[in-house]
Amino acid sequence: MKKITFNKTEVKNLYEMLRSKDQDNHVIALSGLQQIDIKKNIGELILLYKYSTLEKNASTPFQVIHQ
């Protein structure tokens, strides 16, 4: 299977999908993550892991990325 490299906008969309209350969004985001190129997106994956478990009003990794 061909691996996909996500850009920052796509990673932000995955983050929002994982944080949503809609379970269908979770399934779609996780299926996208199964195809991600881990070597090229390791930093983004770490940020998704770290910040997807925080409270909704906590700071997001995308404030750091876009500075």
PDB file of N, CA and C in Angstrom:
ATOM      1  N   MET A   1       0.839  -1.171   0.000  1.00  0.00           N
ATOM      2  CA  MET A   1       0.000   0.000   0.000  1.00  0.00           C
ATOM      3  C   MET A   1       0.894   1.248   0.000  1.00  0.00           C
ATOM      4  N   LYS A   2       0.535   2.204  -0.828  1.00  0.00           N
ATOM      5  CA  LYS A   2       1.306   3.436  -0.916  1.00  0.00           C
ATOM      6  C   LYS A   2       1.045   4.306   0.319  1.00  0.00           C
ATOM      7  N   LYS A   3       2.113   4.850   0.878  1.00  0.00           N
ATOM      8  CA  LYS A   3       2.005   5.719   2.045  1.00  0.00           C
ATOM      9  C   LYS A   3       1.763   7.153   1.605  1.00  0.00           C
ATOM     10  N   ILE A   4       1.018   7.889   2.391  1.00  0.00           N
ATOM     11  CA  ILE A   4       0.647   9.264   2.085  1.00  0.00           C
ATOM     12  C   ILE A   4       1.367  10.209   3.040  1.00  0.00           C
ATOM     13  N   THR A   5       1.830  11.337   2.509  1.00  0.00           N
ATOM     14  CA  THR A   5       2.412  12.392   3.335  1.00  0.00           C
ATOM     15  C   THR A   5       1.373  13.493   3.484  1.00  0.00           C
ATOM     16  N   PHE A   6       1.046  13.845   4.713  1.00  0.00           N
ATOM     17  CA  PHE A   6       0.052  14.880   4.981  1.00  0.00           C
ATOM     18  C   PHE A   6       0.742  16.219   5.194  1.00  0.00           C
ATOM     19  N   ASN A   7       0.134  17.292   4.675  1.00  0.00           N
ATOM     20  CA  ASN A   7       0.650  18.633   4.962  1.00  0.00           C
ATOM     21  C   ASN A   7       0.010  19.138   6.254  1.00  0.00           C
ATOM     22  N   LYS A   8       0.385  20.310   6.689  1.00  0.00           N
ATOM     23  CA  LYS A   8      -0.087  20.833   7.982  1.00  0.00           C
ATOM     24  C   LYS A   8      -1.593  21.042   8.015  1.00  0.00           C
ATOM     25  N   THR A   9      -2.173  21.463   6.889  1.00  0.00           N
ATOM     26  CA  THR A   9      -3.624  21.664   6.838  1.00  0.00           C
ATOM     27  C   THR A   9      -4.356  20.337   6.994  1.00  0.00           C
ATOM     28  N   GLU A  10      -3.864  19.313   6.336  1.00  0.00           N
ATOM     29  CA  GLU A  10      -4.496  18.001   6.443  1.00  0.00           C
ATOM     30  C   GLU A  10      -4.352  17.424   7.844  1.00  0.00           C
ATOM     31  N   VAL A  11      -3.212  17.642   8.467  1.00  0.00           N
ATOM     32  CA  VAL A  11      -3.017  17.170   9.836  1.00  0.00           C
ATOM     33  C   VAL A  11      -3.957  17.921  10.784  1.00  0.00           C
ATOM     34  N   LYS A  12      -4.132  19.212  10.559  1.00  0.00           N
ATOM     35  CA  LYS A  12      -5.053  19.984  11.389  1.00  0.00           C
ATOM     36  C   LYS A  12      -6.481  19.457  11.227  1.00  0.00           C
ATOM     37  N   ASN A  13      -6.868  19.108  10.012  1.00  0.00           N
ATOM     38  CA  ASN A  13      -8.195  18.544   9.781  1.00  0.00           C
ATOM     39  C   ASN A  13      -8.351  17.198  10.490  1.00  0.00           C
ATOM     40  N   LEU A  14      -7.315  16.370  10.445  1.00  0.00           N
ATOM     41  CA  LEU A  14      -7.358  15.096  11.166  1.00  0.00           C
ATOM     42  C   LEU A  14      -7.512  15.325  12.667  1.00  0.00           C
ATOM     43  N   TYR A  15      -6.793  16.301  13.171  1.00  0.00           N
ATOM     44  CA  TYR A  15      -6.867  16.648  14.598  1.00  0.00           C
ATOM     45  C   TYR A  15      -8.298  17.042  14.976  1.00  0.00           C
ATOM     46  N   GLU A  16      -8.913  17.902  14.170  1.00  0.00           N
ATOM     47  CA  GLU A  16     -10.280  18.341  14.447  1.00  0.00           C
ATOM     48  C   GLU A  16     -11.258  17.174  14.351  1.00  0.00           C
ATOM     49  N   MET A  17     -11.028  16.282  13.416  1.00  0.00           N
ATOM     50  CA  MET A  17     -11.898  15.115  13.282  1.00  0.00           C
ATOM     51  C   MET A  17     -11.769  14.198  14.495  1.00  0.00           C
ATOM     52  N   LEU A  18     -10.554  14.018  14.986  1.00  0.00           N
ATOM     53  CA  LEU A  18     -10.356  13.177  16.168  1.00  0.00           C
ATOM     54  C   LEU A  18     -10.961  13.800  17.417  1.00  0.00           C
ATOM     55  N   ARG A  19     -10.993  15.117  17.480  1.00  0.00           N
ATOM     56  CA  ARG A  19     -11.533  15.824  18.645  1.00  0.00           C
ATOM     57  C   ARG A  19     -13.050  15.976  18.608  1.00  0.00           C
ATOM     58  N   SER A  20     -13.676  15.723  17.473  1.00  0.00           N
ATOM     59  CA  SER A  20     -15.121  15.934  17.354  1.00  0.00           C
ATOM     60  C   SER A  20     -15.890  14.876  18.146  1.00  0.00           C
ATOM     61  N   LYS A  21     -17.151  15.136  18.355  1.00  0.00           N
ATOM     62  CA  LYS A  21     -18.010  14.192  19.066  1.00  0.00           C
ATOM     63  C   LYS A  21     -18.606  13.145  18.121  1.00  0.00           C
ATOM     64  N   ASP A  22     -18.496  13.378  16.829  1.00  0.00           N
ATOM     65  CA  ASP A  22     -19.051  12.481  15.819  1.00  0.00           C
ATOM     66  C   ASP A  22     -18.137  11.272  15.619  1.00  0.00           C
ATOM     67  N   GLN A  23     -18.650  10.092  15.889  1.00  0.00           N
ATOM     68  CA  GLN A  23     -17.838   8.883  15.791  1.00  0.00           C
ATOM     69  C   GLN A  23     -17.447   8.568  14.350  1.00  0.00           C
ATOM     70  N   ASP A  24     -18.255   8.987  13.386  1.00  0.00           N
ATOM     71  CA  ASP A  24     -17.895   8.772  11.980  1.00  0.00           C
ATOM     72  C   ASP A  24     -16.618   9.531  11.624  1.00  0.00           C
ATOM     73  N   ASN A  25     -16.450  10.723  12.190  1.00  0.00           N
ATOM     74  CA  ASN A  25     -15.225  11.486  11.961  1.00  0.00           C
ATOM     75  C   ASN A  25     -14.011  10.750  12.510  1.00  0.00           C
ATOM     76  N   HIS A  26     -14.179  10.091  13.637  1.00  0.00           N
ATOM     77  CA  HIS A  26     -13.080   9.332  14.235  1.00  0.00           C
ATOM     78  C   HIS A  26     -12.648   8.207  13.301  1.00  0.00           C
ATOM     79  N   VAL A  27     -13.619   7.503  12.740  1.00  0.00           N
ATOM     80  CA  VAL A  27     -13.323   6.379  11.845  1.00  0.00           C
ATOM     81  C   VAL A  27     -12.580   6.865  10.605  1.00  0.00           C
ATOM     82  N   ILE A  28     -13.042   7.960  10.024  1.00  0.00           N
ATOM     83  CA  ILE A  28     -12.408   8.509   8.826  1.00  0.00           C
ATOM     84  C   ILE A  28     -10.980   8.962   9.132  1.00  0.00           C
ATOM     85  N   ALA A  29     -10.797   9.664  10.244  1.00  0.00           N
ATOM     86  CA  ALA A  29      -9.463  10.152  10.614  1.00  0.00           C
ATOM     87  C   ALA A  29      -8.507   8.991  10.869  1.00  0.00           C
ATOM     88  N   LEU A  30      -8.959   7.983  11.566  1.00  0.00           N
ATOM     89  CA  LEU A  30      -8.097   6.843  11.865  1.00  0.00           C
ATOM     90  C   LEU A  30      -7.765   6.040  10.611  1.00  0.00           C
ATOM     91  N   SER A  31      -8.699   5.953   9.671  1.00  0.00           N
ATOM     92  CA  SER A  31      -8.388   5.257   8.415  1.00  0.00           C
ATOM     93  C   SER A  31      -7.356   6.047   7.617  1.00  0.00           C
ATOM     94  N   GLY A  32      -7.392   7.378   7.698  1.00  0.00           N
ATOM     95  CA  GLY A  32      -6.371   8.195   7.054  1.00  0.00           C
ATOM     96  C   GLY A  32      -5.015   8.020   7.711  1.00  0.00           C
ATOM     97  N   LEU A  33      -5.024   7.893   9.018  1.00  0.00           N
ATOM     98  CA  LEU A  33      -3.764   7.718   9.747  1.00  0.00           C
ATOM     99  C   LEU A  33      -3.112   6.370   9.457  1.00  0.00           C
ATOM    100  N   GLN A  34      -3.902   5.385   9.071  1.00  0.00           N
ATOM    101  CA  GLN A  34      -3.329   4.083   8.721  1.00  0.00           C
ATOM    102  C   GLN A  34      -2.472   4.162   7.474  1.00  0.00           C
ATOM    103  N   GLN A  35      -2.720   5.172   6.626  1.00  0.00           N
ATOM    104  CA  GLN A  35      -2.005   5.298   5.361  1.00  0.00           C
ATOM    105  C   GLN A  35      -0.866   6.318   5.414  1.00  0.00           C
ATOM    106  N   ILE A  36      -0.646   6.919   6.580  1.00  0.00           N
ATOM    107  CA  ILE A  36       0.341   7.998   6.684  1.00  0.00           C
ATOM    108  C   ILE A  36       1.768   7.449   6.604  1.00  0.00           C
ATOM    109  N   ASP A  37       2.643   8.219   6.000  1.00  0.00           N
ATOM    110  CA  ASP A  37       4.064   7.882   5.944  1.00  0.00           C
ATOM    111  C   ASP A  37       4.691   8.292   7.279  1.00  0.00           C
ATOM    112  N   ILE A  38       4.956   7.323   8.114  1.00  0.00           N
ATOM    113  CA  ILE A  38       5.407   7.590   9.481  1.00  0.00           C
ATOM    114  C   ILE A  38       6.753   8.311   9.497  1.00  0.00           C
ATOM    115  N   LYS A  39       7.649   7.928   8.619  1.00  0.00           N
ATOM    116  CA  LYS A  39       8.978   8.551   8.615  1.00  0.00           C
ATOM    117  C   LYS A  39       8.925  10.029   8.265  1.00  0.00           C
ATOM    118  N   LYS A  40       8.026  10.415   7.365  1.00  0.00           N
ATOM    119  CA  LYS A  40       7.944  11.810   6.937  1.00  0.00           C
ATOM    120  C   LYS A  40       7.039  12.646   7.841  1.00  0.00           C
ATOM    121  N   ASN A  41       6.134  12.013   8.582  1.00  0.00           N
ATOM    122  CA  ASN A  41       5.177  12.748   9.404  1.00  0.00           C
ATOM    123  C   ASN A  41       5.287  12.419  10.884  1.00  0.00           C
ATOM    124  N   ILE A  42       6.449  12.007  11.346  1.00  0.00           N
ATOM    125  CA  ILE A  42       6.595  11.607  12.753  1.00  0.00           C
ATOM    126  C   ILE A  42       6.295  12.755  13.711  1.00  0.00           C
ATOM    127  N   GLY A  43       6.722  13.948  13.391  1.00  0.00           N
ATOM    128  CA  GLY A  43       6.453  15.096  14.257  1.00  0.00           C
ATOM    129  C   GLY A  43       4.977  15.390  14.362  1.00  0.00           C
ATOM    130  N   GLU A  44       4.275  15.345  13.237  1.00  0.00           N
ATOM    131  CA  GLU A  44       2.837  15.577  13.232  1.00  0.00           C
ATOM    132  C   GLU A  44       2.097  14.501  14.015  1.00  0.00           C
ATOM    133  N   LEU A  45       2.552  13.263  13.892  1.00  0.00           N
ATOM    134  CA  LEU A  45       1.924  12.175  14.642  1.00  0.00           C
ATOM    135  C   LEU A  45       2.103  12.349  16.141  1.00  0.00           C
ATOM    136  N   ILE A  46       3.277  12.796  16.548  1.00  0.00           N
ATOM    137  CA  ILE A  46       3.518  13.039  17.972  1.00  0.00           C
ATOM    138  C   ILE A  46       2.600  14.151  18.480  1.00  0.00           C
ATOM    139  N   LEU A  47       2.461  15.213  17.695  1.00  0.00           N
ATOM    140  CA  LEU A  47       1.568  16.304  18.101  1.00  0.00           C
ATOM    141  C   LEU A  47       0.113  15.838  18.170  1.00  0.00           C
ATOM    142  N   LEU A  48      -0.316  15.042  17.197  1.00  0.00           N
ATOM    143  CA  LEU A  48      -1.684  14.514  17.234  1.00  0.00           C
ATOM    144  C   LEU A  48      -1.904  13.674  18.485  1.00  0.00           C
ATOM    145  N   TYR A  49      -0.945  12.834  18.802  1.00  0.00           N
ATOM    146  CA  TYR A  49      -1.055  11.985  19.984  1.00  0.00           C
ATOM    147  C   TYR A  49      -1.120  12.828  21.252  1.00  0.00           C
ATOM    148  N   LYS A  50      -0.245  13.797  21.344  1.00  0.00           N
ATOM    149  CA  LYS A  50      -0.161  14.605  22.553  1.00  0.00           C
ATOM    150  C   LYS A  50      -1.407  15.468  22.754  1.00  0.00           C
ATOM    151  N   TYR A  51      -1.822  16.163  21.715  1.00  0.00           N
ATOM    152  CA  TYR A  51      -2.885  17.145  21.872  1.00  0.00           C
ATOM    153  C   TYR A  51      -4.290  16.600  21.658  1.00  0.00           C
ATOM    154  N   SER A  52      -4.433  15.422  21.108  1.00  0.00           N
ATOM    155  CA  SER A  52      -5.784  14.891  20.908  1.00  0.00           C
ATOM    156  C   SER A  52      -6.396  14.414  22.216  1.00  0.00           C
ATOM    157  N   THR A  53      -5.607  14.362  23.290  1.00  0.00           N
ATOM    158  CA  THR A  53      -6.130  13.917  24.575  1.00  0.00           C
ATOM    159  C   THR A  53      -6.349  15.075  25.552  1.00  0.00           C
ATOM    160  N   LEU A  54      -6.090  16.313  25.129  1.00  0.00           N
ATOM    161  CA  LEU A  54      -6.269  17.465  26.015  1.00  0.00           C
ATOM    162  C   LEU A  54      -7.712  17.940  26.042  1.00  0.00           C
ATOM    163  N   GLU A  55      -8.008  18.806  26.984  1.00  0.00           N
ATOM    164  CA  GLU A  55      -9.328  19.419  27.049  1.00  0.00           C
ATOM    165  C   GLU A  55      -9.562  20.288  25.824  1.00  0.00           C
ATOM    166  N   LYS A  56     -10.828  20.517  25.472  1.00  0.00           N
ATOM    167  CA  LYS A  56     -11.170  21.307  24.282  1.00  0.00           C
ATOM    168  C   LYS A  56     -10.595  22.716  24.328  1.00  0.00           C
ATOM    169  N   ASN A  57     -10.534  23.338  25.488  1.00  0.00           N
ATOM    170  CA  ASN A  57     -10.081  24.724  25.562  1.00  0.00           C
ATOM    171  C   ASN A  57      -8.568  24.834  25.793  1.00  0.00           C
ATOM    172  N   ALA A  58      -7.855  23.724  25.731  1.00  0.00           N
ATOM    173  CA  ALA A  58      -6.401  23.760  25.914  1.00  0.00           C
ATOM    174  C   ALA A  58      -5.737  24.269  24.643  1.00  0.00           C
ATOM    175  N   SER A  59      -4.505  24.680  24.758  1.00  0.00           N
ATOM    176  CA  SER A  59      -3.787  25.155  23.579  1.00  0.00           C
ATOM    177  C   SER A  59      -3.607  24.011  22.591  1.00  0.00           C
ATOM    178  N   THR A  60      -3.495  24.355  21.325  1.00  0.00           N
ATOM    179  CA  THR A  60      -3.387  23.339  20.298  1.00  0.00           C
ATOM    180  C   THR A  60      -1.991  23.341  19.697  1.00  0.00           C
ATOM    181  N   PRO A  61      -1.584  22.253  19.078  1.00  0.00           N
ATOM    182  CA  PRO A  61      -0.261  22.209  18.467  1.00  0.00           C
ATOM    183  C   PRO A  61      -0.147  23.145  17.279  1.00  0.00           C
ATOM    184  N   PHE A  62      -1.268  23.540  16.703  1.00  0.00           N
ATOM    185  CA  PHE A  62      -1.244  24.337  15.492  1.00  0.00           C
ATOM    186  C   PHE A  62      -0.934  25.796  15.790  1.00  0.00           C
ATOM    187  N   GLN A  63      -1.074  26.209  17.025  1.00  0.00           N
ATOM    188  CA  GLN A  63      -0.606  27.544  17.414  1.00  0.00           C
ATOM    189  C   GLN A  63       0.911  27.559  17.378  1.00  0.00           C
ATOM    190  N   VAL A  64       1.542  26.459  17.733  1.00  0.00           N
ATOM    191  CA  VAL A  64       2.989  26.352  17.726  1.00  0.00           C
ATOM    192  C   VAL A  64       3.503  26.221  16.289  1.00  0.00           C
ATOM    193  N   ILE A  65       2.851  25.402  15.470  1.00  0.00           N
ATOM    194  CA  ILE A  65       3.300  25.160  14.099  1.00  0.00           C
ATOM    195  C   ILE A  65       3.272  26.423  13.266  1.00  0.00           C
ATOM    196  N   HIS A  66       2.244  27.246  13.429  1.00  0.00           N
ATOM    197  CA  HIS A  66       2.054  28.413  12.570  1.00  0.00           C
ATOM    198  C   HIS A  66       2.792  29.643  13.040  1.00  0.00           C
ATOM    199  N   GLN A  67       3.561  29.559  14.097  1.00  0.00           N
ATOM    200  CA  GLN A  67       4.302  30.733  14.581  1.00  0.00           C
ATOM    201  C   GLN A  67       5.589  30.893  13.832  1.00  0.00           C
TER     202      GLN A  67
END
